[in-house]
Amino acid sequence: MGWFSNTKTPEKPDPASRNDRQKCWDSRDAYFTCLDGANVVKPGDESSVCDGPKAAYERNCAKSWIDYFNKRRVLAEQQQGILAQANNRSSVASRR
């Protein structure tokens, strides 16, 4: 192995490339749709149900983006629950 070795490293997604960003978002959406279909909130808790979309997601997105998207998915679900509770309390209070 020297300067001119034939070993090819796998290409990493380039977040500056519009095409690579779009591939990342499309694969993220496909993976999250699969999670929704399996009623899974936290990515990684789906066992082997979404292996195909998950592999594409991990291949097309930078690790830092995956971490961010996964955290945002869980936070968004938590926020929906909190907003639903607030709306219920508001409607109960307005009936009084």
PDB file of N, CA and C in Angstrom:
ATOM      1  N   MET A   1       0.838  -1.180   0.000  1.00  0.00           N
ATOM      2  CA  MET A   1       0.000   0.000   0.000  1.00  0.00           C
ATOM      3  C   MET A   1       0.871   1.227   0.000  1.00  0.00           C
ATOM      4  N   GLY A   2       0.730   1.982  -0.998  1.00  0.00           N
ATOM      5  CA  GLY A   2       1.516   3.191  -1.100  1.00  0.00           C
ATOM      6  C   GLY A   2       0.654   4.337  -1.576  1.00  0.00           C
ATOM      7  N   TRP A   3       1.278   5.212  -2.223  1.00  0.00           N
ATOM      8  CA  TRP A   3       0.590   6.391  -2.705  1.00  0.00           C
ATOM      9  C   TRP A   3      -0.426   6.055  -3.787  1.00  0.00           C
ATOM     10  N   PHE A   4      -0.159   5.048  -4.551  1.00  0.00           N
ATOM     11  CA  PHE A   4      -0.999   4.735  -5.703  1.00  0.00           C
ATOM     12  C   PHE A   4      -1.753   3.423  -5.507  1.00  0.00           C
ATOM     13  N   SER A   5      -2.225   3.175  -4.323  1.00  0.00           N
ATOM     14  CA  SER A   5      -2.939   1.922  -4.066  1.00  0.00           C
ATOM     15  C   SER A   5      -4.301   1.951  -4.748  1.00  0.00           C
ATOM     16  N   ASN A   6      -4.839   0.789  -5.012  1.00  0.00           N
ATOM     17  CA  ASN A   6      -6.109   0.674  -5.697  1.00  0.00           C
ATOM     18  C   ASN A   6      -7.286   0.559  -4.738  1.00  0.00           C
ATOM     19  N   THR A   7      -7.033   0.621  -3.443  1.00  0.00           N
ATOM     20  CA  THR A   7      -8.145   0.525  -2.501  1.00  0.00           C
ATOM     21  C   THR A   7      -8.962   1.801  -2.584  1.00  0.00           C
ATOM     22  N   LYS A   8     -10.232   1.609  -2.793  1.00  0.00           N
ATOM     23  CA  LYS A   8     -11.134   2.750  -2.937  1.00  0.00           C
ATOM     24  C   LYS A   8     -11.931   2.920  -1.649  1.00  0.00           C
ATOM     25  N   THR A   9     -11.884   4.091  -1.072  1.00  0.00           N
ATOM     26  CA  THR A   9     -12.655   4.358   0.130  1.00  0.00           C
ATOM     27  C   THR A   9     -14.082   4.717  -0.290  1.00  0.00           C
ATOM     28  N   PRO A  10     -15.055   4.320   0.513  1.00  0.00           N
ATOM     29  CA  PRO A  10     -16.430   4.652   0.154  1.00  0.00           C
ATOM     30  C   PRO A  10     -16.632   6.166   0.179  1.00  0.00           C
ATOM     31  N   GLU A  11     -17.396   6.628  -0.774  1.00  0.00           N
ATOM     32  CA  GLU A  11     -17.631   8.071  -0.847  1.00  0.00           C
ATOM     33  C   GLU A  11     -18.554   8.496   0.284  1.00  0.00           C
ATOM     34  N   LYS A  12     -18.205   9.591   0.904  1.00  0.00           N
ATOM     35  CA  LYS A  12     -19.043  10.155   1.950  1.00  0.00           C
ATOM     36  C   LYS A  12     -19.937  11.208   1.308  1.00  0.00           C
ATOM     37  N   PRO A  13     -21.164  11.377   1.828  1.00  0.00           N
ATOM     38  CA  PRO A  13     -22.027  12.409   1.280  1.00  0.00           C
ATOM     39  C   PRO A  13     -21.411  13.787   1.478  1.00  0.00           C
ATOM     40  N   ASP A  14     -21.557  14.629   0.492  1.00  0.00           N
ATOM     41  CA  ASP A  14     -21.054  15.997   0.549  1.00  0.00           C
ATOM     42  C   ASP A  14     -22.215  16.921   0.878  1.00  0.00           C
ATOM     43  N   PRO A  15     -22.313  17.422   2.138  1.00  0.00           N
ATOM     44  CA  PRO A  15     -23.440  18.261   2.509  1.00  0.00           C
ATOM     45  C   PRO A  15     -23.521  19.554   1.696  1.00  0.00           C
ATOM     46  N   ALA A  16     -22.439  19.932   1.036  1.00  0.00           N
ATOM     47  CA  ALA A  16     -22.463  21.144   0.220  1.00  0.00           C
ATOM     48  C   ALA A  16     -23.099  20.894  -1.144  1.00  0.00           C
ATOM     49  N   SER A  17     -23.233  19.640  -1.513  1.00  0.00           N
ATOM     50  CA  SER A  17     -23.804  19.288  -2.807  1.00  0.00           C
ATOM     51  C   SER A  17     -25.329  19.211  -2.707  1.00  0.00           C
ATOM     52  N   ARG A  18     -26.013  19.959  -3.528  1.00  0.00           N
ATOM     53  CA  ARG A  18     -27.474  19.967  -3.529  1.00  0.00           C
ATOM     54  C   ARG A  18     -28.011  18.564  -3.793  1.00  0.00           C
ATOM     55  N   ASN A  19     -27.398  17.854  -4.720  1.00  0.00           N
ATOM     56  CA  ASN A  19     -27.830  16.510  -5.068  1.00  0.00           C
ATOM     57  C   ASN A  19     -27.678  15.551  -3.881  1.00  0.00           C
ATOM     58  N   ASP A  20     -26.555  15.642  -3.173  1.00  0.00           N
ATOM     59  CA  ASP A  20     -26.334  14.783  -2.013  1.00  0.00           C
ATOM     60  C   ASP A  20     -27.288  15.128  -0.863  1.00  0.00           C
ATOM     61  N   ARG A  21     -27.568  16.392  -0.674  1.00  0.00           N
ATOM     62  CA  ARG A  21     -28.538  16.782   0.360  1.00  0.00           C
ATOM     63  C   ARG A  21     -29.909  16.203   0.036  1.00  0.00           C
ATOM     64  N   GLN A  22     -30.312  16.306  -1.229  1.00  0.00           N
ATOM     65  CA  GLN A  22     -31.619  15.797  -1.632  1.00  0.00           C
ATOM     66  C   GLN A  22     -31.702  14.281  -1.445  1.00  0.00           C
ATOM     67  N   LYS A  23     -30.621  13.572  -1.784  1.00  0.00           N
ATOM     68  CA  LYS A  23     -30.592  12.119  -1.569  1.00  0.00           C
ATOM     69  C   LYS A  23     -30.727  11.796  -0.084  1.00  0.00           C
ATOM     70  N   CYS A  24     -30.076  12.577   0.748  1.00  0.00           N
ATOM     71  CA  CYS A  24     -30.162  12.380   2.195  1.00  0.00           C
ATOM     72  C   CYS A  24     -31.599  12.593   2.663  1.00  0.00           C
ATOM     73  N   TRP A  25     -32.217  13.694   2.268  1.00  0.00           N
ATOM     74  CA  TRP A  25     -33.575  13.997   2.706  1.00  0.00           C
ATOM     75  C   TRP A  25     -34.566  12.943   2.206  1.00  0.00           C
ATOM     76  N   ASP A  26     -34.399  12.502   0.966  1.00  0.00           N
ATOM     77  CA  ASP A  26     -35.300  11.485   0.413  1.00  0.00           C
ATOM     78  C   ASP A  26     -35.163  10.161   1.177  1.00  0.00           C
ATOM     79  N   SER A  27     -33.932   9.771   1.467  1.00  0.00           N
ATOM     80  CA  SER A  27     -33.738   8.510   2.191  1.00  0.00           C
ATOM     81  C   SER A  27     -34.199   8.651   3.644  1.00  0.00           C
ATOM     82  N   ARG A  28     -34.028   9.819   4.233  1.00  0.00           N
ATOM     83  CA  ARG A  28     -34.533  10.064   5.597  1.00  0.00           C
ATOM     84  C   ARG A  28     -36.059   9.947   5.608  1.00  0.00           C
ATOM     85  N   ASP A  29     -36.698  10.575   4.623  1.00  0.00           N
ATOM     86  CA  ASP A  29     -38.163  10.529   4.564  1.00  0.00           C
ATOM     87  C   ASP A  29     -38.672   9.105   4.379  1.00  0.00           C
ATOM     88  N   ALA A  30     -37.989   8.323   3.539  1.00  0.00           N
ATOM     89  CA  ALA A  30     -38.395   6.929   3.321  1.00  0.00           C
ATOM     90  C   ALA A  30     -38.230   6.125   4.614  1.00  0.00           C
ATOM     91  N   TYR A  31     -37.133   6.332   5.310  1.00  0.00           N
ATOM     92  CA  TYR A  31     -36.887   5.619   6.569  1.00  0.00           C
ATOM     93  C   TYR A  31     -37.912   6.015   7.630  1.00  0.00           C
ATOM     94  N   PHE A  32     -38.177   7.317   7.763  1.00  0.00           N
ATOM     95  CA  PHE A  32     -39.128   7.767   8.769  1.00  0.00           C
ATOM     96  C   PHE A  32     -40.545   7.321   8.425  1.00  0.00           C
ATOM     97  N   THR A  33     -40.879   7.225   7.148  1.00  0.00           N
ATOM     98  CA  THR A  33     -42.184   6.698   6.738  1.00  0.00           C
ATOM     99  C   THR A  33     -42.306   5.236   7.154  1.00  0.00           C
ATOM    100  N   CYS A  34     -41.236   4.485   6.978  1.00  0.00           N
ATOM    101  CA  CYS A  34     -41.215   3.090   7.413  1.00  0.00           C
ATOM    102  C   CYS A  34     -41.395   3.013   8.934  1.00  0.00           C
ATOM    103  N   LEU A  35     -40.714   3.885   9.674  1.00  0.00           N
ATOM    104  CA  LEU A  35     -40.860   3.898  11.134  1.00  0.00           C
ATOM    105  C   LEU A  35     -42.300   4.221  11.532  1.00  0.00           C
ATOM    106  N   ASP A  36     -42.900   5.184  10.842  1.00  0.00           N
ATOM    107  CA  ASP A  36     -44.294   5.533  11.122  1.00  0.00           C
ATOM    108  C   ASP A  36     -45.200   4.329  10.888  1.00  0.00           C
ATOM    109  N   GLY A  37     -44.955   3.603   9.799  1.00  0.00           N
ATOM    110  CA  GLY A  37     -45.744   2.418   9.499  1.00  0.00           C
ATOM    111  C   GLY A  37     -45.587   1.327  10.545  1.00  0.00           C
ATOM    112  N   ALA A  38     -44.431   1.280  11.176  1.00  0.00           N
ATOM    113  CA  ALA A  38     -44.163   0.281  12.217  1.00  0.00           C
ATOM    114  C   ALA A  38     -44.499   0.815  13.612  1.00  0.00           C
ATOM    115  N   ASN A  39     -45.051   2.039  13.684  1.00  0.00           N
ATOM    116  CA  ASN A  39     -45.388   2.689  14.960  1.00  0.00           C
ATOM    117  C   ASN A  39     -44.187   2.796  15.886  1.00  0.00           C
ATOM    118  N   VAL A  40     -43.056   3.205  15.310  1.00  0.00           N
ATOM    119  CA  VAL A  40     -41.823   3.376  16.077  1.00  0.00           C
ATOM    120  C   VAL A  40     -41.461   4.859  16.072  1.00  0.00           C
ATOM    121  N   VAL A  41     -41.228   5.413  17.250  1.00  0.00           N
ATOM    122  CA  VAL A  41     -40.864   6.829  17.350  1.00  0.00           C
ATOM    123  C   VAL A  41     -39.359   7.002  17.272  1.00  0.00           C
ATOM    124  N   LYS A  42     -38.639   6.239  18.080  1.00  0.00           N
ATOM    125  CA  LYS A  42     -37.191   6.408  18.179  1.00  0.00           C
ATOM    126  C   LYS A  42     -36.479   5.543  17.141  1.00  0.00           C
ATOM    127  N   PRO A  43     -35.760   6.171  16.212  1.00  0.00           N
ATOM    128  CA  PRO A  43     -35.005   5.398  15.226  1.00  0.00           C
ATOM    129  C   PRO A  43     -34.014   4.465  15.911  1.00  0.00           C
ATOM    130  N   GLY A  44     -33.957   3.242  15.406  1.00  0.00           N
ATOM    131  CA  GLY A  44     -33.082   2.238  15.993  1.00  0.00           C
ATOM    132  C   GLY A  44     -33.846   1.239  16.842  1.00  0.00           C
ATOM    133  N   ASP A  45     -35.096   1.572  17.196  1.00  0.00           N
ATOM    134  CA  ASP A  45     -35.914   0.678  18.015  1.00  0.00           C
ATOM    135  C   ASP A  45     -36.814  -0.228  17.180  1.00  0.00           C
ATOM    136  N   GLU A  46     -36.608  -0.257  15.867  1.00  0.00           N
ATOM    137  CA  GLU A  46     -37.527  -0.970  14.974  1.00  0.00           C
ATOM    138  C   GLU A  46     -37.112  -2.395  14.671  1.00  0.00           C
ATOM    139  N   SER A  47     -36.117  -2.903  15.283  1.00  0.00           N
ATOM    140  CA  SER A  47     -35.514  -4.218  15.008  1.00  0.00           C
ATOM    141  C   SER A  47     -35.118  -4.293  13.539  1.00  0.00           C
ATOM    142  N   SER A  48     -35.606  -5.269  12.799  1.00  0.00           N
ATOM    143  CA  SER A  48     -35.171  -5.399  11.399  1.00  0.00           C
ATOM    144  C   SER A  48     -36.249  -4.990  10.404  1.00  0.00           C
ATOM    145  N   VAL A  49     -37.301  -4.344  10.878  1.00  0.00           N
ATOM    146  CA  VAL A  49     -38.437  -3.992  10.020  1.00  0.00           C
ATOM    147  C   VAL A  49     -38.035  -3.038   8.886  1.00  0.00           C
ATOM    148  N   CYS A  50     -37.191  -2.096   9.151  1.00  0.00           N
ATOM    149  CA  CYS A  50     -36.850  -1.054   8.175  1.00  0.00           C
ATOM    150  C   CYS A  50     -35.387  -1.119   7.751  1.00  0.00           C
ATOM    151  N   ASP A  51     -34.837  -2.310   7.642  1.00  0.00           N
ATOM    152  CA  ASP A  51     -33.413  -2.450   7.319  1.00  0.00           C
ATOM    153  C   ASP A  51     -33.024  -1.784   6.003  1.00  0.00           C
ATOM    154  N   GLY A  52     -33.821  -1.960   4.949  1.00  0.00           N
ATOM    155  CA  GLY A  52     -33.497  -1.379   3.642  1.00  0.00           C
ATOM    156  C   GLY A  52     -33.452   0.137   3.675  1.00  0.00           C
ATOM    157  N   PRO A  53     -34.553   0.791   4.108  1.00  0.00           N
ATOM    158  CA  PRO A  53     -34.539   2.252   4.188  1.00  0.00           C
ATOM    159  C   PRO A  53     -33.488   2.791   5.157  1.00  0.00           C
ATOM    160  N   LYS A  54     -33.243   2.050   6.242  1.00  0.00           N
ATOM    161  CA  LYS A  54     -32.236   2.502   7.217  1.00  0.00           C
ATOM    162  C   LYS A  54     -30.843   2.484   6.597  1.00  0.00           C
ATOM    163  N   ALA A  55     -30.534   1.435   5.823  1.00  0.00           N
ATOM    164  CA  ALA A  55     -29.217   1.336   5.179  1.00  0.00           C
ATOM    165  C   ALA A  55     -29.019   2.487   4.190  1.00  0.00           C
ATOM    166  N   ALA A  56     -30.051   2.813   3.427  1.00  0.00           N
ATOM    167  CA  ALA A  56     -29.956   3.931   2.480  1.00  0.00           C
ATOM    168  C   ALA A  56     -29.773   5.248   3.224  1.00  0.00           C
ATOM    169  N   TYR A  57     -30.495   5.426   4.305  1.00  0.00           N
ATOM    170  CA  TYR A  57     -30.401   6.628   5.142  1.00  0.00           C
ATOM    171  C   TYR A  57     -28.976   6.795   5.672  1.00  0.00           C
ATOM    172  N   GLU A  58     -28.415   5.717   6.198  1.00  0.00           N
ATOM    173  CA  GLU A  58     -27.063   5.787   6.748  1.00  0.00           C
ATOM    174  C   GLU A  58     -26.006   5.954   5.663  1.00  0.00           C
ATOM    175  N   ARG A  59     -26.267   5.451   4.488  1.00  0.00           N
ATOM    176  CA  ARG A  59     -25.327   5.584   3.378  1.00  0.00           C
ATOM    177  C   ARG A  59     -25.360   7.001   2.769  1.00  0.00           C
ATOM    178  N   ASN A  60     -26.540   7.613   2.723  1.00  0.00           N
ATOM    179  CA  ASN A  60     -26.705   8.890   2.025  1.00  0.00           C
ATOM    180  C   ASN A  60     -26.580  10.123   2.911  1.00  0.00           C
ATOM    181  N   CYS A  61     -26.539   9.937   4.216  1.00  0.00           N
ATOM    182  CA  CYS A  61     -26.489  11.090   5.116  1.00  0.00           C
ATOM    183  C   CYS A  61     -25.229  11.050   5.983  1.00  0.00           C
ATOM    184  N   ALA A  62     -24.717  12.222   6.269  1.00  0.00           N
ATOM    185  CA  ALA A  62     -23.570  12.343   7.179  1.00  0.00           C
ATOM    186  C   ALA A  62     -24.021  11.963   8.592  1.00  0.00           C
ATOM    187  N   LYS A  63     -23.121  11.397   9.366  1.00  0.00           N
ATOM    188  CA  LYS A  63     -23.441  10.946  10.725  1.00  0.00           C
ATOM    189  C   LYS A  63     -24.019  12.075  11.568  1.00  0.00           C
ATOM    190  N   SER A  64     -23.479  13.268  11.451  1.00  0.00           N
ATOM    191  CA  SER A  64     -23.977  14.387  12.247  1.00  0.00           C
ATOM    192  C   SER A  64     -25.414  14.734  11.871  1.00  0.00           C
ATOM    193  N   TRP A  65     -25.759  14.596  10.587  1.00  0.00           N
ATOM    194  CA  TRP A  65     -27.125  14.858  10.145  1.00  0.00           C
ATOM    195  C   TRP A  65     -28.066  13.788  10.676  1.00  0.00           C
ATOM    196  N   ILE A  66     -27.627  12.536  10.646  1.00  0.00           N
ATOM    197  CA  ILE A  66     -28.451  11.435  11.144  1.00  0.00           C
ATOM    198  C   ILE A  66     -28.758  11.652  12.622  1.00  0.00           C
ATOM    199  N   ASP A  67     -27.740  12.005  13.397  1.00  0.00           N
ATOM    200  CA  ASP A  67     -27.949  12.272  14.821  1.00  0.00           C
ATOM    201  C   ASP A  67     -28.964  13.391  15.019  1.00  0.00           C
ATOM    202  N   TYR A  68     -28.821  14.462  14.241  1.00  0.00           N
ATOM    203  CA  TYR A  68     -29.729  15.602  14.356  1.00  0.00           C
ATOM    204  C   TYR A  68     -31.163  15.205  13.986  1.00  0.00           C
ATOM    205  N   PHE A  69     -31.335  14.562  12.825  1.00  0.00           N
ATOM    206  CA  PHE A  69     -32.680  14.180  12.377  1.00  0.00           C
ATOM    207  C   PHE A  69     -33.351  13.236  13.363  1.00  0.00           C
ATOM    208  N   ASN A  70     -32.592  12.275  13.892  1.00  0.00           N
ATOM    209  CA  ASN A  70     -33.159  11.317  14.837  1.00  0.00           C
ATOM    210  C   ASN A  70     -33.604  12.003  16.124  1.00  0.00           C
ATOM    211  N   LYS A  71     -32.797  12.926  16.628  1.00  0.00           N
ATOM    212  CA  LYS A  71     -33.166  13.665  17.841  1.00  0.00           C
ATOM    213  C   LYS A  71     -34.387  14.536  17.590  1.00  0.00           C
ATOM    214  N   ARG A  72     -34.423  15.189  16.423  1.00  0.00           N
ATOM    215  CA  ARG A  72     -35.572  16.045  16.089  1.00  0.00           C
ATOM    216  C   ARG A  72     -36.854  15.226  15.994  1.00  0.00           C
ATOM    217  N   ARG A  73     -36.775  14.008  15.474  1.00  0.00           N
ATOM    218  CA  ARG A  73     -37.961  13.154  15.365  1.00  0.00           C
ATOM    219  C   ARG A  73     -38.526  12.848  16.754  1.00  0.00           C
ATOM    220  N   VAL A  74     -37.664  12.483  17.684  1.00  0.00           N
ATOM    221  CA  VAL A  74     -38.113  12.160  19.037  1.00  0.00           C
ATOM    222  C   VAL A  74     -38.661  13.405  19.726  1.00  0.00           C
ATOM    223  N   LEU A  75     -37.978  14.537  19.583  1.00  0.00           N
ATOM    224  CA  LEU A  75     -38.441  15.781  20.204  1.00  0.00           C
ATOM    225  C   LEU A  75     -39.782  16.223  19.642  1.00  0.00           C
ATOM    226  N   ALA A  76     -39.967  16.087  18.342  1.00  0.00           N
ATOM    227  CA  ALA A  76     -41.233  16.482  17.718  1.00  0.00           C
ATOM    228  C   ALA A  76     -42.385  15.643  18.270  1.00  0.00           C
ATOM    229  N   GLU A  77     -42.154  14.372  18.478  1.00  0.00           N
ATOM    230  CA  GLU A  77     -43.184  13.495  19.040  1.00  0.00           C
ATOM    231  C   GLU A  77     -43.509  13.918  20.470  1.00  0.00           C
ATOM    232  N   GLN A  78     -42.494  14.244  21.244  1.00  0.00           N
ATOM    233  CA  GLN A  78     -42.717  14.693  22.612  1.00  0.00           C
ATOM    234  C   GLN A  78     -43.484  16.005  22.630  1.00  0.00           C
ATOM    235  N   GLN A  79     -43.144  16.910  21.722  1.00  0.00           N
ATOM    236  CA  GLN A  79     -43.825  18.199  21.651  1.00  0.00           C
ATOM    237  C   GLN A  79     -45.296  18.030  21.300  1.00  0.00           C
ATOM    238  N   GLN A  80     -45.613  17.085  20.413  1.00  0.00           N
ATOM    239  CA  GLN A  80     -47.009  16.846  20.061  1.00  0.00           C
ATOM    240  C   GLN A  80     -47.804  16.399  21.283  1.00  0.00           C
ATOM    241  N   GLY A  81     -47.200  15.547  22.097  1.00  0.00           N
ATOM    242  CA  GLY A  81     -47.867  15.098  23.313  1.00  0.00           C
ATOM    243  C   GLY A  81     -48.097  16.237  24.284  1.00  0.00           C
ATOM    244  N   ILE A  82     -47.115  17.092  24.437  1.00  0.00           N
ATOM    245  CA  ILE A  82     -47.243  18.234  25.345  1.00  0.00           C
ATOM    246  C   ILE A  82     -48.302  19.205  24.831  1.00  0.00           C
ATOM    247  N   LEU A  83     -48.323  19.469  23.528  1.00  0.00           N
ATOM    248  CA  LEU A  83     -49.329  20.362  22.958  1.00  0.00           C
ATOM    249  C   LEU A  83     -50.733  19.784  23.099  1.00  0.00           C
ATOM    250  N   ALA A  84     -50.879  18.488  22.942  1.00  0.00           N
ATOM    251  CA  ALA A  84     -52.189  17.850  23.102  1.00  0.00           C
ATOM    252  C   ALA A  84     -52.676  18.007  24.545  1.00  0.00           C
ATOM    253  N   GLN A  85     -51.787  17.823  25.511  1.00  0.00           N
ATOM    254  CA  GLN A  85     -52.162  18.000  26.914  1.00  0.00           C
ATOM    255  C   GLN A  85     -52.569  19.442  27.181  1.00  0.00           C
ATOM    256  N   ALA A  86     -51.831  20.392  26.642  1.00  0.00           N
ATOM    257  CA  ALA A  86     -52.151  21.807  26.843  1.00  0.00           C
ATOM    258  C   ALA A  86     -53.504  22.147  26.224  1.00  0.00           C
ATOM    259  N   ASN A  87     -53.773  21.618  25.040  1.00  0.00           N
ATOM    260  CA  ASN A  87     -55.063  21.869  24.402  1.00  0.00           C
ATOM    261  C   ASN A  87     -56.207  21.270  25.207  1.00  0.00           C
ATOM    262  N   ASN A  88     -56.008  20.078  25.761  1.00  0.00           N
ATOM    263  CA  ASN A  88     -57.039  19.459  26.598  1.00  0.00           C
ATOM    264  C   ASN A  88     -57.309  20.303  27.835  1.00  0.00           C
ATOM    265  N   ARG A  89     -56.263  20.764  28.475  1.00  0.00           N
ATOM    266  CA  ARG A  89     -56.428  21.603  29.670  1.00  0.00           C
ATOM    267  C   ARG A  89     -57.115  22.915  29.321  1.00  0.00           C
ATOM    268  N   SER A  90     -56.772  23.464  28.185  1.00  0.00           N
ATOM    269  CA  SER A  90     -57.374  24.715  27.752  1.00  0.00           C
ATOM    270  C   SER A  90     -58.875  24.539  27.488  1.00  0.00           C
ATOM    271  N   SER A  91     -59.231  23.448  26.823  1.00  0.00           N
ATOM    272  CA  SER A  91     -60.644  23.228  26.523  1.00  0.00           C
ATOM    273  C   SER A  91     -61.434  22.943  27.801  1.00  0.00           C
ATOM    274  N   VAL A  92     -60.838  22.251  28.766  1.00  0.00           N
ATOM    275  CA  VAL A  92     -61.509  22.006  30.050  1.00  0.00           C
ATOM    276  C   VAL A  92     -61.690  23.308  30.807  1.00  0.00           C
ATOM    277  N   ALA A  93     -60.664  24.150  30.794  1.00  0.00           N
ATOM    278  CA  ALA A  93     -60.741  25.426  31.511  1.00  0.00           C
ATOM    279  C   ALA A  93     -61.763  26.366  30.875  1.00  0.00           C
ATOM    280  N   SER A  94     -61.920  26.316  29.555  1.00  0.00           N
ATOM    281  CA  SER A  94     -62.853  27.220  28.881  1.00  0.00           C
ATOM    282  C   SER A  94     -64.311  26.776  29.098  1.00  0.00           C
ATOM    283  N   ARG A  95     -64.543  25.541  29.457  1.00  0.00           N
ATOM    284  CA  ARG A  95     -65.899  25.055  29.720  1.00  0.00           C
ATOM    285  C   ARG A  95     -66.418  25.515  31.071  1.00  0.00           C
ATOM    286  N   ARG A  96     -65.523  25.888  31.941  1.00  0.00           N
ATOM    287  CA  ARG A  96     -65.924  26.296  33.297  1.00  0.00           C
ATOM    288  C   ARG A  96     -66.454  27.672  33.344  1.00  0.00           C
TER     289      ARG A  96
END
